[in-house]
PDB file of all heavy atoms in Angstrom:
ATOM      1  N   ARG A   1      -1.320  10.317   1.487  1.00  0.00           N
ATOM      2  CA  ARG A   1      -1.051  11.322   0.465  1.00  0.00           C
ATOM      3  C   ARG A   1      -2.404  11.839  -0.046  1.00  0.00           C
ATOM      4  O   ARG A   1      -2.890  11.410  -1.100  1.00  0.00           O
ATOM      5  CB  ARG A   1      -0.224  10.726  -0.670  1.00  0.00           C
ATOM      6  CG  ARG A   1       1.233  10.492  -0.244  1.00  0.00           C
ATOM      7  CD  ARG A   1       2.090  10.056  -1.398  1.00  0.00           C
ATOM      8  NE  ARG A   1       3.497  10.073  -1.010  1.00  0.00           N
ATOM      9  CZ  ARG A   1       4.404   9.230  -1.455  1.00  0.00           C
ATOM     10  NH1 ARG A   1       4.066   8.285  -2.299  1.00  0.00           N
ATOM     11  NH2 ARG A   1       5.662   9.329  -1.076  1.00  0.00           N
ATOM     12  N   PRO A   2      -3.003  12.760   0.691  1.00  0.00           N
ATOM     13  CA  PRO A   2      -4.348  13.221   0.334  1.00  0.00           C
ATOM     14  C   PRO A   2      -4.427  13.884  -1.033  1.00  0.00           C
ATOM     15  O   PRO A   2      -5.514  13.935  -1.626  1.00  0.00           O
ATOM     16  CB  PRO A   2      -4.694  14.206   1.459  1.00  0.00           C
ATOM     17  CG  PRO A   2      -3.402  14.563   2.086  1.00  0.00           C
ATOM     18  CD  PRO A   2      -2.512  13.377   1.934  1.00  0.00           C
ATOM     19  N   ALA A   3      -3.306  14.384  -1.544  1.00  0.00           N
ATOM     20  CA  ALA A   3      -3.316  15.039  -2.848  1.00  0.00           C
ATOM     21  C   ALA A   3      -2.954  14.090  -3.988  1.00  0.00           C
ATOM     22  O   ALA A   3      -2.864  14.515  -5.141  1.00  0.00           O
ATOM     23  CB  ALA A   3      -2.359  16.230  -2.840  1.00  0.00           C
ATOM     24  N   ALA A   4      -2.745  12.810  -3.688  1.00  0.00           N
ATOM     25  CA  ALA A   4      -2.334  11.862  -4.722  1.00  0.00           C
ATOM     26  C   ALA A   4      -3.429  11.711  -5.776  1.00  0.00           C
ATOM     27  O   ALA A   4      -4.621  11.786  -5.491  1.00  0.00           O
ATOM     28  CB  ALA A   4      -2.029  10.506  -4.095  1.00  0.00           C
ATOM     29  N   ASP A   5      -3.004  11.474  -7.011  1.00  0.00           N
ATOM     30  CA  ASP A   5      -3.944  11.327  -8.121  1.00  0.00           C
ATOM     31  C   ASP A   5      -4.654   9.979  -8.116  1.00  0.00           C
ATOM     32  O   ASP A   5      -5.734   9.848  -8.690  1.00  0.00           O
ATOM     33  CB  ASP A   5      -3.206  11.476  -9.463  1.00  0.00           C
ATOM     34  CG  ASP A   5      -2.578  12.836  -9.639  1.00  0.00           C
ATOM     35  OD1 ASP A   5      -3.139  13.820  -9.101  1.00  0.00           O
ATOM     36  OD2 ASP A   5      -1.531  12.922 -10.302  1.00  0.00           O
ATOM     37  N   ARG A   6      -4.038   8.967  -7.509  1.00  0.00           N
ATOM     38  CA  ARG A   6      -4.592   7.626  -7.580  1.00  0.00           C
ATOM     39  C   ARG A   6      -4.154   6.838  -6.364  1.00  0.00           C
ATOM     40  O   ARG A   6      -3.312   7.282  -5.573  1.00  0.00           O
ATOM     41  CB  ARG A   6      -4.122   6.926  -8.849  1.00  0.00           C
ATOM     42  CG  ARG A   6      -2.608   6.841  -8.982  1.00  0.00           C
ATOM     43  CD  ARG A   6      -2.204   6.325 -10.343  1.00  0.00           C
ATOM     44  NE  ARG A   6      -0.753   6.313 -10.508  1.00  0.00           N
ATOM     45  CZ  ARG A   6      -0.146   5.920 -11.614  1.00  0.00           C
ATOM     46  NH1 ARG A   6      -0.843   5.504 -12.644  1.00  0.00           N
ATOM     47  NH2 ARG A   6       1.167   5.931 -11.691  1.00  0.00           N
ATOM     48  N   ARG A   7      -4.703   5.637  -6.245  1.00  0.00           N
ATOM     49  CA  ARG A   7      -4.410   4.805  -5.074  1.00  0.00           C
ATOM     50  C   ARG A   7      -4.170   3.362  -5.527  1.00  0.00           C
ATOM     51  O   ARG A   7      -4.851   2.852  -6.419  1.00  0.00           O
ATOM     52  CB  ARG A   7      -5.591   4.863  -4.103  1.00  0.00           C
ATOM     53  CG  ARG A   7      -5.391   4.094  -2.823  1.00  0.00           C
ATOM     54  CD  ARG A   7      -6.560   4.301  -1.866  1.00  0.00           C
ATOM     55  NE  ARG A   7      -6.482   5.577  -1.164  1.00  0.00           N
ATOM     56  CZ  ARG A   7      -7.400   6.534  -1.229  1.00  0.00           C
ATOM     57  NH1 ARG A   7      -8.475   6.381  -1.979  1.00  0.00           N
ATOM     58  NH2 ARG A   7      -7.254   7.641  -0.539  1.00  0.00           N
ATOM     59  N   LEU A   8      -3.182   2.736  -4.899  1.00  0.00           N
ATOM     60  CA  LEU A   8      -2.899   1.317  -5.106  1.00  0.00           C
ATOM     61  C   LEU A   8      -3.206   0.592  -3.810  1.00  0.00           C
ATOM     62  O   LEU A   8      -2.601   0.880  -2.772  1.00  0.00           O
ATOM     63  CB  LEU A   8      -1.428   1.117  -5.489  1.00  0.00           C
ATOM     64  CG  LEU A   8      -0.964  -0.333  -5.663  1.00  0.00           C
ATOM     65  CD1 LEU A   8      -1.611  -0.968  -6.892  1.00  0.00           C
ATOM     66  CD2 LEU A   8       0.571  -0.406  -5.772  1.00  0.00           C
ATOM     67  N   ILE A   9      -4.153  -0.344  -3.846  1.00  0.00           N
ATOM     68  CA  ILE A   9      -4.519  -1.119  -2.664  1.00  0.00           C
ATOM     69  C   ILE A   9      -3.959  -2.530  -2.825  1.00  0.00           C
ATOM     70  O   ILE A   9      -4.259  -3.221  -3.804  1.00  0.00           O
ATOM     71  CB  ILE A   9      -6.036  -1.160  -2.457  1.00  0.00           C
ATOM     72  CG1 ILE A   9      -6.577   0.269  -2.310  1.00  0.00           C
ATOM     73  CG2 ILE A   9      -6.392  -1.997  -1.230  1.00  0.00           C
ATOM     74  CD1 ILE A   9      -8.083   0.350  -2.119  1.00  0.00           C
ATOM     75  N   CYS A  10      -3.136  -2.944  -1.861  1.00  0.00           N
ATOM     76  CA  CYS A  10      -2.379  -4.192  -1.956  1.00  0.00           C
ATOM     77  C   CYS A  10      -2.955  -5.268  -1.034  1.00  0.00           C
ATOM     78  O   CYS A  10      -3.339  -4.974   0.102  1.00  0.00           O
ATOM     79  CB  CYS A  10      -0.912  -3.939  -1.592  1.00  0.00           C
ATOM     80  SG  CYS A  10      -0.118  -2.639  -2.581  1.00  0.00           S
ATOM     81  N   PHE A  11      -2.963  -6.492  -1.530  1.00  0.00           N
ATOM     82  CA  PHE A  11      -3.504  -7.644  -0.802  1.00  0.00           C
ATOM     83  C   PHE A  11      -2.375  -8.640  -0.571  1.00  0.00           C
ATOM     84  O   PHE A  11      -1.775  -9.138  -1.531  1.00  0.00           O
ATOM     85  CB  PHE A  11      -4.616  -8.307  -1.610  1.00  0.00           C
ATOM     86  CG  PHE A  11      -5.860  -7.480  -1.794  1.00  0.00           C
ATOM     87  CD1 PHE A  11      -5.858  -6.363  -2.611  1.00  0.00           C
ATOM     88  CD2 PHE A  11      -7.038  -7.826  -1.141  1.00  0.00           C
ATOM     89  CE1 PHE A  11      -7.013  -5.602  -2.795  1.00  0.00           C
ATOM     90  CE2 PHE A  11      -8.196  -7.076  -1.319  1.00  0.00           C
ATOM     91  CZ  PHE A  11      -8.182  -5.954  -2.140  1.00  0.00           C
ATOM     92  N   PRO A  12      -2.074  -8.979   0.690  1.00  0.00           N
ATOM     93  CA  PRO A  12      -0.916  -9.846   0.983  1.00  0.00           C
ATOM     94  C   PRO A  12      -1.104 -11.300   0.568  1.00  0.00           C
ATOM     95  O   PRO A  12      -2.213 -11.800   0.376  1.00  0.00           O
ATOM     96  CB  PRO A  12      -0.772  -9.744   2.509  1.00  0.00           C
ATOM     97  CG  PRO A  12      -1.567  -8.555   2.912  1.00  0.00           C
ATOM     98  CD  PRO A  12      -2.678  -8.448   1.907  1.00  0.00           C
ATOM     99  N   HIS A  13       0.025 -11.969   0.480  1.00  0.00           N
ATOM    100  CA  HIS A  13       0.117 -13.400   0.216  1.00  0.00           C
ATOM    101  C   HIS A  13      -0.275 -14.192   1.462  1.00  0.00           C
ATOM    102  O   HIS A  13      -0.462 -13.617   2.542  1.00  0.00           O
ATOM    103  CB  HIS A  13       1.550 -13.755  -0.181  1.00  0.00           C
ATOM    104  CG  HIS A  13       2.556 -13.204   0.784  1.00  0.00           C
ATOM    105  ND1 HIS A  13       3.027 -11.905   0.728  1.00  0.00           N
ATOM    106  CD2 HIS A  13       3.169 -13.762   1.866  1.00  0.00           C
ATOM    107  CE1 HIS A  13       3.879 -11.692   1.715  1.00  0.00           C
ATOM    108  NE2 HIS A  13       3.984 -12.812   2.421  1.00  0.00           N
ATOM    109  N   ALA A  14      -0.371 -15.501   1.329  1.00  0.00           N
ATOM    110  CA  ALA A  14      -0.646 -16.367   2.476  1.00  0.00           C
ATOM    111  C   ALA A  14       0.465 -16.218   3.508  1.00  0.00           C
ATOM    112  O   ALA A  14       1.648 -16.298   3.180  1.00  0.00           O
ATOM    113  CB  ALA A  14      -0.755 -17.820   2.026  1.00  0.00           C
ATOM    114  N   GLY A  15       0.082 -15.989   4.747  1.00  0.00           N
ATOM    115  CA  GLY A  15       1.060 -15.780   5.804  1.00  0.00           C
ATOM    116  C   GLY A  15       1.595 -14.365   5.856  1.00  0.00           C
ATOM    117  O   GLY A  15       2.433 -14.054   6.704  1.00  0.00           O
ATOM    118  N   GLY A  16       1.131 -13.498   4.960  1.00  0.00           N
ATOM    119  CA  GLY A  16       1.630 -12.131   4.896  1.00  0.00           C
ATOM    120  C   GLY A  16       0.738 -11.149   5.638  1.00  0.00           C
ATOM    121  O   GLY A  16      -0.335 -11.494   6.141  1.00  0.00           O
ATOM    122  N   SER A  17       1.198  -9.913   5.698  1.00  0.00           N
ATOM    123  CA  SER A  17       0.439  -8.859   6.365  1.00  0.00           C
ATOM    124  C   SER A  17       0.620  -7.554   5.607  1.00  0.00           C
ATOM    125  O   SER A  17       1.429  -7.459   4.670  1.00  0.00           O
ATOM    126  CB  SER A  17       0.908  -8.681   7.814  1.00  0.00           C
ATOM    127  OG  SER A  17       2.183  -8.067   7.851  1.00  0.00           O
ATOM    128  N   ALA A  18      -0.111  -6.539   6.017  1.00  0.00           N
ATOM    129  CA  ALA A  18      -0.019  -5.229   5.380  1.00  0.00           C
ATOM    130  C   ALA A  18       1.393  -4.665   5.464  1.00  0.00           C
ATOM    131  O   ALA A  18       1.810  -3.868   4.618  1.00  0.00           O
ATOM    132  CB  ALA A  18      -1.013  -4.272   6.028  1.00  0.00           C
ATOM    133  N   ASN A  19       2.135  -5.088   6.469  1.00  0.00           N
ATOM    134  CA  ASN A  19       3.491  -4.582   6.671  1.00  0.00           C
ATOM    135  C   ASN A  19       4.406  -4.903   5.490  1.00  0.00           C
ATOM    136  O   ASN A  19       5.420  -4.223   5.267  1.00  0.00           O
ATOM    137  CB  ASN A  19       4.078  -5.181   7.950  1.00  0.00           C
ATOM    138  CG  ASN A  19       5.295  -4.422   8.436  1.00  0.00           C
ATOM    139  OD1 ASN A  19       5.284  -3.195   8.495  1.00  0.00           O
ATOM    140  ND2 ASN A  19       6.344  -5.151   8.797  1.00  0.00           N
ATOM    141  N   PHE A  20       4.074  -5.924   4.713  1.00  0.00           N
ATOM    142  CA  PHE A  20       4.884  -6.306   3.556  1.00  0.00           C
ATOM    143  C   PHE A  20       5.014  -5.151   2.559  1.00  0.00           C
ATOM    144  O   PHE A  20       6.006  -5.046   1.843  1.00  0.00           O
ATOM    145  CB  PHE A  20       4.239  -7.513   2.882  1.00  0.00           C
ATOM    146  CG  PHE A  20       4.986  -8.081   1.712  1.00  0.00           C
ATOM    147  CD1 PHE A  20       6.095  -8.904   1.903  1.00  0.00           C
ATOM    148  CD2 PHE A  20       4.598  -7.800   0.408  1.00  0.00           C
ATOM    149  CE1 PHE A  20       6.791  -9.435   0.818  1.00  0.00           C
ATOM    150  CE2 PHE A  20       5.283  -8.336  -0.677  1.00  0.00           C
ATOM    151  CZ  PHE A  20       6.382  -9.146  -0.475  1.00  0.00           C
ATOM    152  N   PHE A  21       4.010  -4.257   2.532  1.00  0.00           N
ATOM    153  CA  PHE A  21       3.971  -3.188   1.543  1.00  0.00           C
ATOM    154  C   PHE A  21       4.333  -1.823   2.132  1.00  0.00           C
ATOM    155  O   PHE A  21       4.129  -0.801   1.477  1.00  0.00           O
ATOM    156  CB  PHE A  21       2.564  -3.108   0.935  1.00  0.00           C
ATOM    157  CG  PHE A  21       2.063  -4.419   0.389  1.00  0.00           C
ATOM    158  CD1 PHE A  21       1.200  -5.220   1.127  1.00  0.00           C
ATOM    159  CD2 PHE A  21       2.456  -4.863  -0.867  1.00  0.00           C
ATOM    160  CE1 PHE A  21       0.738  -6.430   0.630  1.00  0.00           C
ATOM    161  CE2 PHE A  21       1.998  -6.072  -1.372  1.00  0.00           C
ATOM    162  CZ  PHE A  21       1.146  -6.851  -0.627  1.00  0.00           C
ATOM    163  N   ARG A  22       4.886  -1.788   3.348  1.00  0.00           N
ATOM    164  CA  ARG A  22       5.053  -0.519   4.050  1.00  0.00           C
ATOM    165  C   ARG A  22       5.983   0.452   3.335  1.00  0.00           C
ATOM    166  O   ARG A  22       5.850   1.677   3.500  1.00  0.00           O
ATOM    167  CB  ARG A  22       5.568  -0.776   5.472  1.00  0.00           C
ATOM    168  CG  ARG A  22       6.976  -1.343   5.544  1.00  0.00           C
ATOM    169  CD  ARG A  22       7.380  -1.688   6.969  1.00  0.00           C
ATOM    170  NE  ARG A  22       8.746  -2.186   7.060  1.00  0.00           N
ATOM    171  CZ  ARG A  22       9.115  -3.426   6.804  1.00  0.00           C
ATOM    172  NH1 ARG A  22       8.199  -4.310   6.445  1.00  0.00           N
ATOM    173  NH2 ARG A  22      10.373  -3.804   6.897  1.00  0.00           N
ATOM    174  N   ASP A  23       6.938  -0.030   2.551  1.00  0.00           N
ATOM    175  CA  ASP A  23       7.905   0.866   1.913  1.00  0.00           C
ATOM    176  C   ASP A  23       7.573   1.169   0.452  1.00  0.00           C
ATOM    177  O   ASP A  23       8.342   1.834  -0.235  1.00  0.00           O
ATOM    178  CB  ASP A  23       9.315   0.247   1.986  1.00  0.00           C
ATOM    179  CG  ASP A  23       9.796   0.069   3.418  1.00  0.00           C
ATOM    180  OD1 ASP A  23       9.448   0.916   4.266  1.00  0.00           O
ATOM    181  OD2 ASP A  23      10.498  -0.923   3.684  1.00  0.00           O
ATOM    182  N   TRP A  24       6.439   0.710  -0.019  1.00  0.00           N
ATOM    183  CA  TRP A  24       6.132   0.848  -1.431  1.00  0.00           C
ATOM    184  C   TRP A  24       5.785   2.274  -1.845  1.00  0.00           C
ATOM    185  O   TRP A  24       5.781   2.592  -3.031  1.00  0.00           O
ATOM    186  CB  TRP A  24       4.987  -0.087  -1.814  1.00  0.00           C
ATOM    187  CG  TRP A  24       5.417  -1.505  -1.976  1.00  0.00           C
ATOM    188  CD1 TRP A  24       6.437  -2.144  -1.334  1.00  0.00           C
ATOM    189  CD2 TRP A  24       4.818  -2.481  -2.829  1.00  0.00           C
ATOM    190  NE1 TRP A  24       6.518  -3.456  -1.735  1.00  0.00           N
ATOM    191  CE2 TRP A  24       5.539  -3.689  -2.648  1.00  0.00           C
ATOM    192  CE3 TRP A  24       3.756  -2.459  -3.717  1.00  0.00           C
ATOM    193  CZ2 TRP A  24       5.224  -4.855  -3.331  1.00  0.00           C
ATOM    194  CZ3 TRP A  24       3.432  -3.616  -4.397  1.00  0.00           C
ATOM    195  CH2 TRP A  24       4.166  -4.805  -4.213  1.00  0.00           C
ATOM    196  N   ALA A  25       5.448   3.123  -0.894  1.00  0.00           N
ATOM    197  CA  ALA A  25       5.035   4.486  -1.233  1.00  0.00           C
ATOM    198  C   ALA A  25       6.201   5.358  -1.684  1.00  0.00           C
ATOM    199  O   ALA A  25       6.002   6.386  -2.325  1.00  0.00           O
ATOM    200  CB  ALA A  25       4.349   5.140  -0.028  1.00  0.00           C
ATOM    201  N   ALA A  26       7.421   4.961  -1.375  1.00  0.00           N
ATOM    202  CA  ALA A  26       8.586   5.780  -1.714  1.00  0.00           C
ATOM    203  C   ALA A  26       8.732   5.902  -3.230  1.00  0.00           C
ATOM    204  O   ALA A  26       8.619   4.925  -3.953  1.00  0.00           O
ATOM    205  CB  ALA A  26       9.852   5.173  -1.111  1.00  0.00           C
ATOM    206  N   GLY A  27       8.979   7.114  -3.686  1.00  0.00           N
ATOM    207  CA  GLY A  27       9.296   7.329  -5.093  1.00  0.00           C
ATOM    208  C   GLY A  27       8.112   7.502  -6.013  1.00  0.00           C
ATOM    209  O   GLY A  27       8.291   7.777  -7.200  1.00  0.00           O
ATOM    210  N   ARG A  28       6.887   7.355  -5.524  1.00  0.00           N
ATOM    211  CA  ARG A  28       5.709   7.552  -6.368  1.00  0.00           C
ATOM    212  C   ARG A  28       4.752   8.523  -5.669  1.00  0.00           C
ATOM    213  O   ARG A  28       3.689   8.138  -5.178  1.00  0.00           O
ATOM    214  CB  ARG A  28       5.014   6.221  -6.655  1.00  0.00           C
ATOM    215  CG  ARG A  28       5.827   5.209  -7.453  1.00  0.00           C
ATOM    216  CD  ARG A  28       6.258   5.743  -8.812  1.00  0.00           C
ATOM    217  NE  ARG A  28       5.122   6.047  -9.671  1.00  0.00           N
ATOM    218  CZ  ARG A  28       4.797   5.349 -10.764  1.00  0.00           C
ATOM    219  NH1 ARG A  28       5.531   4.306 -11.125  1.00  0.00           N
ATOM    220  NH2 ARG A  28       3.772   5.704 -11.496  1.00  0.00           N
ATOM    221  N   PRO A  29       5.106   9.816  -5.601  1.00  0.00           N
ATOM    222  CA  PRO A  29       4.288  10.772  -4.839  1.00  0.00           C
ATOM    223  C   PRO A  29       2.891  10.960  -5.392  1.00  0.00           C
ATOM    224  O   PRO A  29       1.995  11.432  -4.685  1.00  0.00           O
ATOM    225  CB  PRO A  29       5.097  12.078  -4.928  1.00  0.00           C
ATOM    226  CG  PRO A  29       5.952  11.921  -6.136  1.00  0.00           C
ATOM    227  CD  PRO A  29       6.287  10.464  -6.201  1.00  0.00           C
ATOM    228  N   GLU A  30       2.657  10.581  -6.664  1.00  0.00           N
ATOM    229  CA  GLU A  30       1.322  10.743  -7.238  1.00  0.00           C
ATOM    230  C   GLU A  30       0.387   9.596  -6.858  1.00  0.00           C
ATOM    231  O   GLU A  30      -0.801   9.615  -7.192  1.00  0.00           O
ATOM    232  CB  GLU A  30       1.413  10.849  -8.764  1.00  0.00           C
ATOM    233  CG  GLU A  30       1.530   9.537  -9.515  1.00  0.00           C
ATOM    234  CD  GLU A  30       2.877   8.817  -9.360  1.00  0.00           C
ATOM    235  OE1 GLU A  30       3.797   9.382  -8.735  1.00  0.00           O
ATOM    236  OE2 GLU A  30       3.011   7.689  -9.867  1.00  0.00           O
ATOM    237  N   THR A  31       0.918   8.605  -6.141  1.00  0.00           N
ATOM    238  CA  THR A  31       0.139   7.410  -5.788  1.00  0.00           C
ATOM    239  C   THR A  31       0.143   7.203  -4.281  1.00  0.00           C
ATOM    240  O   THR A  31       1.202   7.201  -3.648  1.00  0.00           O
ATOM    241  CB  THR A  31       0.721   6.164  -6.470  1.00  0.00           C
ATOM    242  OG1 THR A  31       0.745   6.360  -7.884  1.00  0.00           O
ATOM    243  CG2 THR A  31      -0.106   4.934  -6.145  1.00  0.00           C
ATOM    244  N   GLU A  32      -1.032   7.032  -3.712  1.00  0.00           N
ATOM    245  CA  GLU A  32      -1.133   6.644  -2.307  1.00  0.00           C
ATOM    246  C   GLU A  32      -1.242   5.125  -2.245  1.00  0.00           C
ATOM    247  O   GLU A  32      -2.127   4.539  -2.871  1.00  0.00           O
ATOM    248  CB  GLU A  32      -2.352   7.287  -1.657  1.00  0.00           C
ATOM    249  CG  GLU A  32      -2.452   6.975  -0.162  1.00  0.00           C
ATOM    250  CD  GLU A  32      -3.626   7.683   0.484  1.00  0.00           C
ATOM    251  OE1 GLU A  32      -4.770   7.184   0.337  1.00  0.00           O
ATOM    252  OE2 GLU A  32      -3.410   8.731   1.125  1.00  0.00           O
ATOM    253  N   VAL A  33      -0.343   4.504  -1.501  1.00  0.00           N
ATOM    254  CA  VAL A  33      -0.320   3.054  -1.372  1.00  0.00           C
ATOM    255  C   VAL A  33      -1.027   2.654  -0.080  1.00  0.00           C
ATOM    256  O   VAL A  33      -0.713   3.164   0.997  1.00  0.00           O
ATOM    257  CB  VAL A  33       1.118   2.509  -1.377  1.00  0.00           C
ATOM    258  CG1 VAL A  33       1.123   0.997  -1.162  1.00  0.00           C
ATOM    259  CG2 VAL A  33       1.811   2.861  -2.696  1.00  0.00           C
ATOM    260  N   ALA A  34      -1.995   1.773  -0.206  1.00  0.00           N
ATOM    261  CA  ALA A  34      -2.708   1.224   0.942  1.00  0.00           C
ATOM    262  C   ALA A  34      -2.547  -0.293   0.922  1.00  0.00           C
ATOM    263  O   ALA A  34      -2.175  -0.884  -0.097  1.00  0.00           O
ATOM    264  CB  ALA A  34      -4.185   1.606   0.897  1.00  0.00           C
ATOM    265  N   ALA A  35      -2.823  -0.918   2.054  1.00  0.00           N
ATOM    266  CA  ALA A  35      -2.687  -2.383   2.133  1.00  0.00           C
ATOM    267  C   ALA A  35      -3.748  -2.957   3.046  1.00  0.00           C
ATOM    268  O   ALA A  35      -4.147  -2.336   4.036  1.00  0.00           O
ATOM    269  CB  ALA A  35      -1.294  -2.764   2.628  1.00  0.00           C
ATOM    270  N   VAL A  36      -4.190  -4.141   2.715  1.00  0.00           N
ATOM    271  CA  VAL A  36      -5.200  -4.856   3.496  1.00  0.00           C
ATOM    272  C   VAL A  36      -4.509  -5.632   4.614  1.00  0.00           C
ATOM    273  O   VAL A  36      -3.475  -6.265   4.403  1.00  0.00           O
ATOM    274  CB  VAL A  36      -5.990  -5.818   2.585  1.00  0.00           C
ATOM    275  CG1 VAL A  36      -6.892  -6.737   3.402  1.00  0.00           C
ATOM    276  CG2 VAL A  36      -6.795  -5.029   1.552  1.00  0.00           C
ATOM    277  N   GLN A  37      -5.097  -5.549   5.802  1.00  0.00           N
ATOM    278  CA  GLN A  37      -4.602  -6.345   6.929  1.00  0.00           C
ATOM    279  C   GLN A  37      -5.629  -7.424   7.240  1.00  0.00           C
ATOM    280  O   GLN A  37      -6.743  -7.134   7.703  1.00  0.00           O
ATOM    281  CB  GLN A  37      -4.393  -5.456   8.163  1.00  0.00           C
ATOM    282  CG  GLN A  37      -3.750  -6.169   9.343  1.00  0.00           C
ATOM    283  CD  GLN A  37      -2.268  -6.394   9.135  1.00  0.00           C
ATOM    284  OE1 GLN A  37      -1.870  -7.161   8.256  1.00  0.00           O
ATOM    285  NE2 GLN A  37      -1.441  -5.746   9.922  1.00  0.00           N
ATOM    286  N   TYR A  38      -5.298  -8.667   6.948  1.00  0.00           N
ATOM    287  CA  TYR A  38      -6.194  -9.765   7.287  1.00  0.00           C
ATOM    288  C   TYR A  38      -6.212  -9.954   8.811  1.00  0.00           C
ATOM    289  O   TYR A  38      -5.225  -9.657   9.496  1.00  0.00           O
ATOM    290  CB  TYR A  38      -5.721 -11.075   6.650  1.00  0.00           C
ATOM    291  CG  TYR A  38      -5.504 -11.039   5.149  1.00  0.00           C
ATOM    292  CD1 TYR A  38      -4.371 -11.644   4.583  1.00  0.00           C
ATOM    293  CD2 TYR A  38      -6.410 -10.431   4.291  1.00  0.00           C
ATOM    294  CE1 TYR A  38      -4.163 -11.649   3.221  1.00  0.00           C
ATOM    295  CE2 TYR A  38      -6.208 -10.425   2.922  1.00  0.00           C
ATOM    296  CZ  TYR A  38      -5.074 -11.026   2.387  1.00  0.00           C
ATOM    297  OH  TYR A  38      -4.865 -11.021   1.035  1.00  0.00           O
ATOM    298  N   PRO A  39      -7.303 -10.476   9.371  1.00  0.00           N
ATOM    299  CA  PRO A  39      -7.335 -10.715  10.820  1.00  0.00           C
ATOM    300  C   PRO A  39      -6.430 -11.879  11.216  1.00  0.00           C
ATOM    301  O   PRO A  39      -6.024 -12.689  10.382  1.00  0.00           O
ATOM    302  CB  PRO A  39      -8.803 -11.046  11.082  1.00  0.00           C
ATOM    303  CG  PRO A  39      -9.297 -11.602   9.785  1.00  0.00           C
ATOM    304  CD  PRO A  39      -8.562 -10.849   8.716  1.00  0.00           C
TER     305      PRO A  39
END
């Protein structure tokens, strides 16, 4: 969302991945949701 006013960067739990947050962007068009992918 290049026009978003702000960004939320998410860090997964133990055993988790960035995919846990894949649906979080819905309903908040003013926010771009990003997530960290651990190796």
